[in-house]
Amino acid sequence: MEEMASFHTDGYLQHLQKVSQEGDEDHPDSIEYGLGYDCPATEGIFDYAAAIAGATITAAQCLIDGKCKIAINWSGGWHHAKKDEASGFCYLNDAVLGILRLRRKFDRILYVDLDLHHGDGVQDAFSFTSKVMTVSLHKFSPGFFPGTGDMSDVGLGKGRYYSVNVPIQDGIQDEKYYHICESVLKEVYQAFNPKAVVLQLGADTIAGDPMCSFNMTPVGIGKCLKYVLQWQLATLILGGGGYNLANTARCWTYLTGVILGKTLSSEIPDHEFFTAYGPDYVLEITPSCRPDRNEPHRIQQILNYIKGNLKHVV
């Protein structure tokens, strides 16, 4: 509880624990804390969320202790939770907790969020500081959750220009996405000079996801991951969204191979859930025929805007 209280309020933590123990989904105070609808107060959810958060904090501590250069928690990446509010299937913000732990050793932390949704909870947590820079590539469209993350959202106070948002439209595929990601991260790295990195790699950008938005494959995300890893900084890697379970497993398996420098077999091995990977039973994912709504001139406008803002980073 003490470690979670480094970000979350005591009142929220105590209420979440209470309703979780009782399985009370109708407590009158729950709405105030965002519990309900997409974050129901189901029995045992506090212990589950605490385990996820604890895993991310432990992974961060391993980086601090020098036990490894890369630490992974694919179950993490709960980037929507606020200090006193659950949001978007996220009850605790393990990404924020991991960053706060890393700050015990590393002066400047770069957070990169490649989930389909804007990493609003992490950005909000650090919007007033120049010690953590948040970069989020995400779908930005009227009515699409969480409704934040336009490119003009750049941070506040001392943190102005330390929030970088890249709004993307439906249908984007690997090549264009990587061009955007590399272009932004090249400028960010030069301007901010991070000492450690936290990567959120939600798989809801992948073709076949029920979100029906981006048209990516794990190969495209893997190229972005490789770009960050070549900096050779202490790197904490987290999961995130992903609602086609088989494709999410494919994606994070492929990315684990990228991290380890291993080429994986195309064939899905026989196991208990083998039938979920039909009809082709292979690791690869093929993009759909969805049109790409991202116009080149608009992408260039966004990149120019971000480059101009980063000139203010000192």
Protein backbone atom coordinates (compact mmCIF):
# COMPACT_ATOMS: atom_id res chain seq x y z
CA MET A 1 0.00 0.00 0.00
CA GLU A 2 2.83 2.39 0.86
CA GLU A 3 4.45 2.00 -2.57
CA MET A 4 1.15 2.59 -4.36
CA ALA A 5 0.58 5.69 -2.21
CA SER A 6 3.63 7.29 -3.84
CA PHE A 7 1.12 8.32 -6.53
CA HIS A 8 -2.42 7.28 -5.58
CA THR A 9 -4.34 8.96 -2.74
CA ASP A 10 -4.97 7.10 0.51
CA GLY A 11 -8.70 7.62 0.15
CA TYR A 12 -8.80 6.01 -3.28
CA LEU A 13 -6.63 3.07 -2.29
CA GLN A 14 -8.64 2.39 0.86
CA HIS A 15 -11.94 2.55 -1.02
CA LEU A 16 -10.70 0.29 -3.82
CA GLN A 17 -9.46 -2.25 -1.30
CA LYS A 18 -12.73 -2.13 0.64
CA VAL A 19 -15.09 -2.64 -2.31
CA SER A 20 -12.74 -5.26 -3.77
CA GLN A 21 -12.89 -7.33 -0.58
CA GLU A 22 -16.67 -7.06 -0.42
CA GLY A 23 -17.34 -7.35 -4.15
CA ASP A 24 -19.56 -4.29 -3.73
CA GLU A 25 -20.23 -2.90 -7.22
CA ASP A 26 -22.97 -0.54 -5.97
CA HIS A 27 -21.19 1.41 -3.23
CA PRO A 28 -22.43 5.03 -3.39
CA ASP A 29 -18.88 6.48 -3.27
CA SER A 30 -17.58 4.35 -6.15
CA ILE A 31 -18.70 6.70 -8.91
CA GLU A 32 -16.56 9.45 -7.37
CA TYR A 33 -13.55 7.18 -7.77
CA GLY A 34 -14.35 6.10 -11.33
CA LEU A 35 -15.43 2.62 -10.28
CA GLY A 36 -18.23 1.37 -12.48
CA TYR A 37 -18.92 0.85 -16.19
CA ASP A 38 -15.43 0.19 -17.66
CA CYS A 39 -13.85 -0.22 -14.21
CA PRO A 40 -16.31 -2.28 -12.13
CA ALA A 41 -15.48 -2.90 -8.47
CA THR A 42 -15.32 -6.67 -8.87
CA GLU A 43 -14.24 -8.94 -6.03
CA GLY A 44 -10.47 -9.33 -5.82
CA ILE A 45 -9.64 -6.50 -8.23
CA PHE A 46 -7.49 -4.66 -5.68
CA ASP A 47 -5.16 -7.62 -5.16
CA TYR A 48 -4.94 -8.19 -8.91
CA ALA A 49 -4.16 -4.53 -9.66
CA ALA A 50 -1.65 -4.42 -6.79
CA ALA A 51 0.13 -7.46 -8.22
CA ILE A 52 0.42 -5.74 -11.61
CA ALA A 53 1.72 -2.54 -10.01
CA GLY A 54 4.10 -4.49 -7.80
CA ALA A 55 5.54 -6.28 -10.81
CA THR A 56 6.27 -2.99 -12.56
CA ILE A 57 7.86 -1.49 -9.44
CA THR A 58 9.98 -4.64 -9.02
CA ALA A 59 11.04 -4.45 -12.67
CA ALA A 60 12.04 -0.81 -12.18
CA GLN A 61 14.03 -1.74 -9.08
CA CYS A 62 15.90 -4.39 -11.06
CA LEU A 63 16.99 -1.66 -13.46
CA ILE A 64 18.05 0.57 -10.57
CA ASP A 65 20.07 -2.27 -9.03
CA GLY A 66 21.79 -3.00 -12.33
CA LYS A 67 20.48 -6.56 -12.47
CA CYS A 68 19.49 -6.03 -16.10
CA LYS A 69 19.34 -3.34 -18.79
CA ILE A 70 15.82 -4.29 -19.95
CA ALA A 71 12.93 -5.35 -17.71
CA ILE A 72 9.50 -6.47 -18.97
CA ASN A 73 6.01 -6.59 -17.49
CA TRP A 74 3.60 -7.38 -20.32
CA SER A 75 0.72 -7.36 -17.82
CA GLY A 76 1.42 -3.72 -17.01
CA GLY A 77 0.92 -0.51 -18.93
CA TRP A 78 -2.27 0.64 -17.14
CA HIS A 79 -1.81 4.18 -18.39
CA HIS A 80 -5.26 5.73 -17.84
CA ALA A 81 -5.62 5.57 -14.04
CA LYS A 82 -5.42 8.89 -12.18
CA LYS A 83 -4.20 9.43 -8.63
CA ASP A 84 -7.74 9.14 -7.21
CA GLU A 85 -9.71 7.62 -10.06
CA ALA A 86 -9.91 4.42 -12.08
CA SER A 87 -10.31 4.92 -15.83
CA GLY A 88 -10.29 2.95 -19.06
CA PHE A 89 -9.92 -0.53 -17.51
CA CYS A 90 -7.04 0.80 -15.37
CA TYR A 91 -7.36 0.74 -11.58
CA LEU A 92 -3.78 1.65 -10.65
CA ASN A 93 -1.24 3.42 -12.83
CA ASP A 94 1.72 1.07 -12.74
CA ALA A 95 3.51 3.10 -15.42
CA VAL A 96 3.55 6.17 -13.17
CA LEU A 97 4.63 4.06 -10.19
CA GLY A 98 7.46 2.57 -12.24
CA ILE A 99 8.63 5.99 -13.38
CA LEU A 100 8.58 7.32 -9.82
CA ARG A 101 10.71 4.37 -8.71
CA LEU A 102 13.19 4.92 -11.57
CA ARG A 103 13.48 8.58 -10.58
CA ARG A 104 15.25 7.46 -7.42
CA LYS A 105 18.32 6.86 -9.59
CA PHE A 106 17.76 8.33 -13.05
CA ASP A 107 17.45 12.09 -13.38
CA ARG A 108 15.48 12.23 -16.64
CA ILE A 109 12.96 9.59 -17.66
CA LEU A 110 11.44 9.30 -21.13
CA TYR A 111 8.01 7.66 -21.32
CA VAL A 112 6.98 6.43 -24.79
CA ASP A 113 3.40 5.23 -25.27
CA LEU A 114 2.55 3.31 -28.46
CA ASP A 115 -0.90 2.16 -27.36
CA LEU A 116 -3.91 3.01 -29.57
CA HIS A 117 -5.22 5.28 -26.80
CA HIS A 118 -3.63 8.44 -25.45
CA GLY A 119 -1.57 7.82 -22.30
CA ASP A 120 -3.50 10.49 -20.43
CA GLY A 121 -2.94 9.24 -16.89
CA VAL A 122 0.83 9.22 -17.25
CA GLN A 123 0.91 12.59 -18.99
CA ASP A 124 -1.30 14.16 -16.31
CA ALA A 125 0.93 12.80 -13.54
CA PHE A 126 4.02 14.53 -14.95
CA SER A 127 2.55 17.48 -16.86
CA PHE A 128 4.20 20.02 -14.52
CA THR A 129 7.73 18.58 -14.44
CA SER A 130 10.72 18.77 -16.77
CA LYS A 131 12.22 15.59 -15.32
CA VAL A 132 9.84 13.23 -17.15
CA MET A 133 9.02 13.64 -20.82
CA THR A 134 5.96 11.82 -22.12
CA VAL A 135 5.56 10.90 -25.78
CA SER A 136 2.29 9.37 -26.99
CA LEU A 137 1.40 8.17 -30.49
CA HIS A 138 -2.33 7.45 -30.54
CA LYS A 139 -5.65 7.71 -32.31
CA PHE A 140 -7.16 11.15 -31.90
CA SER A 141 -10.71 11.47 -33.17
CA PRO A 142 -13.98 13.04 -31.93
CA GLY A 143 -15.65 10.72 -29.42
CA PHE A 144 -12.68 8.36 -29.15
CA PHE A 145 -11.51 7.62 -25.59
CA PRO A 146 -10.04 9.39 -23.71
CA GLY A 147 -10.56 12.44 -25.92
CA THR A 148 -7.20 14.02 -25.04
CA GLY A 149 -3.80 14.16 -26.68
CA ASP A 150 -4.02 16.72 -29.45
CA MET A 151 -0.62 17.97 -30.59
CA SER A 152 -1.27 21.31 -28.88
CA ASP A 153 -1.35 19.51 -25.50
CA VAL A 154 2.29 20.16 -24.51
CA GLY A 155 2.40 20.26 -20.71
CA LEU A 156 2.11 23.01 -18.10
CA GLY A 157 4.36 25.23 -16.00
CA LYS A 158 7.89 23.85 -15.77
CA GLY A 159 6.63 20.89 -17.79
CA ARG A 160 5.60 22.96 -20.80
CA TYR A 161 6.92 21.29 -23.98
CA TYR A 162 7.71 18.09 -22.06
CA SER A 163 4.47 16.43 -23.17
CA VAL A 164 4.65 15.33 -26.81
CA ASN A 165 1.46 14.13 -28.49
CA VAL A 166 1.21 12.65 -31.96
CA PRO A 167 -2.44 12.40 -33.09
CA ILE A 168 -2.97 9.71 -35.73
CA GLN A 169 -5.99 8.75 -37.79
CA ASP A 170 -7.37 5.33 -38.72
CA GLY A 171 -5.75 2.87 -41.10
CA ILE A 172 -2.07 3.64 -40.55
CA GLN A 173 0.32 0.81 -41.42
CA ASP A 174 3.84 -0.15 -40.39
CA GLU A 175 5.96 1.94 -42.75
CA LYS A 176 4.26 5.28 -42.13
CA TYR A 177 3.92 4.64 -38.39
CA TYR A 178 7.62 3.87 -38.08
CA HIS A 179 8.51 7.00 -40.05
CA ILE A 180 6.48 9.09 -37.59
CA CYS A 181 7.84 7.30 -34.52
CA GLU A 182 11.49 7.49 -35.61
CA SER A 183 11.18 11.15 -36.64
CA VAL A 184 9.68 12.13 -33.28
CA LEU A 185 11.96 10.02 -31.10
CA LYS A 186 15.10 11.23 -32.89
CA GLU A 187 14.21 14.83 -32.02
CA VAL A 188 13.10 13.92 -28.49
CA TYR A 189 16.31 12.04 -27.72
CA GLN A 190 18.51 14.89 -28.90
CA ALA A 191 16.50 17.52 -27.02
CA PHE A 192 15.83 15.69 -23.76
CA ASN A 193 18.83 13.35 -23.36
CA PRO A 194 16.99 10.74 -21.25
CA LYS A 195 18.80 8.53 -18.75
CA ALA A 196 16.15 5.77 -18.70
CA VAL A 197 13.13 4.83 -20.79
CA VAL A 198 9.68 3.40 -20.06
CA LEU A 199 7.92 1.93 -23.10
CA GLN A 200 4.18 1.15 -23.16
CA LEU A 201 3.47 -1.24 -26.05
CA GLY A 202 -0.27 -1.80 -26.13
CA ALA A 203 -1.34 -4.22 -28.88
CA ASP A 204 -4.66 -2.58 -29.77
CA THR A 205 -2.96 -0.93 -32.76
CA ILE A 206 -2.61 -4.33 -34.43
CA ALA A 207 -4.76 -5.35 -37.43
CA GLY A 208 -7.67 -7.50 -36.33
CA ASP A 209 -8.20 -5.74 -33.01
CA PRO A 210 -11.90 -5.06 -32.21
CA MET A 211 -11.05 -1.35 -32.01
CA CYS A 212 -10.88 -1.46 -35.85
CA SER A 213 -8.61 1.60 -35.97
CA PHE A 214 -4.94 1.21 -36.86
CA ASN A 215 -3.70 -1.43 -39.30
CA MET A 216 -0.35 -2.35 -37.82
CA THR A 217 1.57 -5.60 -37.44
CA PRO A 218 4.05 -6.58 -34.71
CA VAL A 219 6.87 -6.00 -37.20
CA GLY A 220 6.12 -2.26 -37.29
CA ILE A 221 5.99 -1.98 -33.51
CA GLY A 222 9.16 -4.07 -33.36
CA LYS A 223 11.01 -1.56 -35.53
CA CYS A 224 10.03 1.23 -33.14
CA LEU A 225 11.17 -0.90 -30.21
CA LYS A 226 14.53 -1.59 -31.89
CA TYR A 227 15.01 2.15 -32.41
CA VAL A 228 14.65 2.78 -28.68
CA LEU A 229 16.78 -0.19 -27.67
CA GLN A 230 19.72 1.02 -29.77
CA TRP A 231 20.09 3.89 -27.28
CA GLN A 232 21.25 1.22 -24.79
CA LEU A 233 19.57 2.89 -21.82
CA ALA A 234 17.91 1.23 -18.85
CA THR A 235 14.52 0.33 -20.35
CA LEU A 236 11.28 -0.75 -18.69
CA ILE A 237 8.85 -2.36 -21.14
CA LEU A 238 5.13 -2.62 -20.38
CA GLY A 239 2.09 -4.02 -22.14
CA GLY A 240 -1.23 -2.21 -22.39
CA GLY A 241 -4.38 -2.59 -24.47
CA GLY A 242 -5.11 -5.43 -26.87
CA TYR A 243 -8.58 -6.94 -27.29
CA ASN A 244 -7.90 -9.64 -29.86
CA LEU A 245 -6.28 -12.02 -27.39
CA ALA A 246 -4.56 -14.25 -29.93
CA ASN A 247 -3.06 -11.30 -31.80
CA THR A 248 -2.00 -9.63 -28.57
CA ALA A 249 -0.16 -12.82 -27.61
CA ARG A 250 1.39 -12.94 -31.09
CA CYS A 251 2.50 -9.32 -30.80
CA TRP A 252 4.10 -9.53 -27.37
CA THR A 253 5.74 -12.85 -28.23
CA TYR A 254 7.26 -11.34 -31.35
CA LEU A 255 8.43 -8.27 -29.39
CA THR A 256 10.00 -10.48 -26.72
CA GLY A 257 11.96 -12.11 -29.53
CA VAL A 258 13.07 -8.68 -30.73
CA ILE A 259 14.25 -7.77 -27.22
CA LEU A 260 16.22 -11.01 -26.95
CA GLY A 261 17.58 -10.78 -30.49
CA LYS A 262 15.95 -14.08 -31.39
CA THR A 263 14.20 -15.05 -34.62
CA LEU A 264 11.11 -17.05 -33.72
CA SER A 265 9.51 -19.87 -35.67
CA SER A 266 6.48 -18.89 -37.72
CA GLU A 267 4.54 -21.91 -36.48
CA ILE A 268 2.47 -21.61 -33.32
CA PRO A 269 3.50 -24.50 -31.02
CA ASP A 270 0.89 -26.99 -29.90
CA HIS A 271 -0.52 -26.04 -26.51
CA GLU A 272 -3.76 -25.74 -24.56
CA PHE A 273 -5.01 -22.69 -26.48
CA PHE A 274 -3.73 -23.73 -29.92
CA THR A 275 -7.16 -23.51 -31.57
CA ALA A 276 -7.41 -19.78 -30.72
CA TYR A 277 -4.71 -19.10 -33.35
CA GLY A 278 -6.66 -20.44 -36.32
CA PRO A 279 -7.21 -20.57 -39.16
CA ASP A 280 -3.53 -20.22 -40.13
CA TYR A 281 -1.80 -21.02 -36.79
CA VAL A 282 1.22 -18.81 -37.53
CA LEU A 283 2.95 -15.97 -35.67
CA GLU A 284 2.58 -13.42 -38.46
CA ILE A 285 -0.36 -11.00 -38.75
CA THR A 286 -1.52 -9.67 -42.11
CA PRO A 287 -2.88 -6.10 -42.39
CA SER A 288 -6.45 -5.67 -43.58
CA CYS A 289 -7.55 -3.67 -46.64
CA ARG A 290 -8.68 -0.68 -44.56
CA PRO A 291 -7.87 2.74 -46.10
CA ASP A 292 -5.18 4.90 -44.51
CA ARG A 293 -6.72 8.22 -43.40
CA ASN A 294 -3.37 9.86 -42.63
CA GLU A 295 -2.50 12.42 -45.28
CA PRO A 296 1.25 13.00 -45.81
CA HIS A 297 0.94 16.80 -45.58
CA ARG A 298 -0.88 16.53 -42.24
CA ILE A 299 1.76 14.17 -40.86
CA GLN A 300 4.47 16.62 -41.88
CA GLN A 301 2.60 19.47 -40.17
CA ILE A 302 2.52 17.49 -36.93
CA LEU A 303 6.21 16.60 -37.15
CA ASN A 304 7.18 20.21 -37.84
CA TYR A 305 5.07 21.40 -34.90
CA ILE A 306 6.70 18.92 -32.53
CA LYS A 307 10.20 19.77 -33.75
CA GLY A 308 9.51 23.44 -33.16
CA ASN A 309 8.27 22.80 -29.62
CA LEU A 310 11.29 20.68 -28.73
CA LYS A 311 13.56 23.66 -29.37
CA HIS A 312 12.25 25.01 -26.06
CA VAL A 313 13.46 21.94 -24.11
CA VAL A 314 16.59 22.63 -22.11
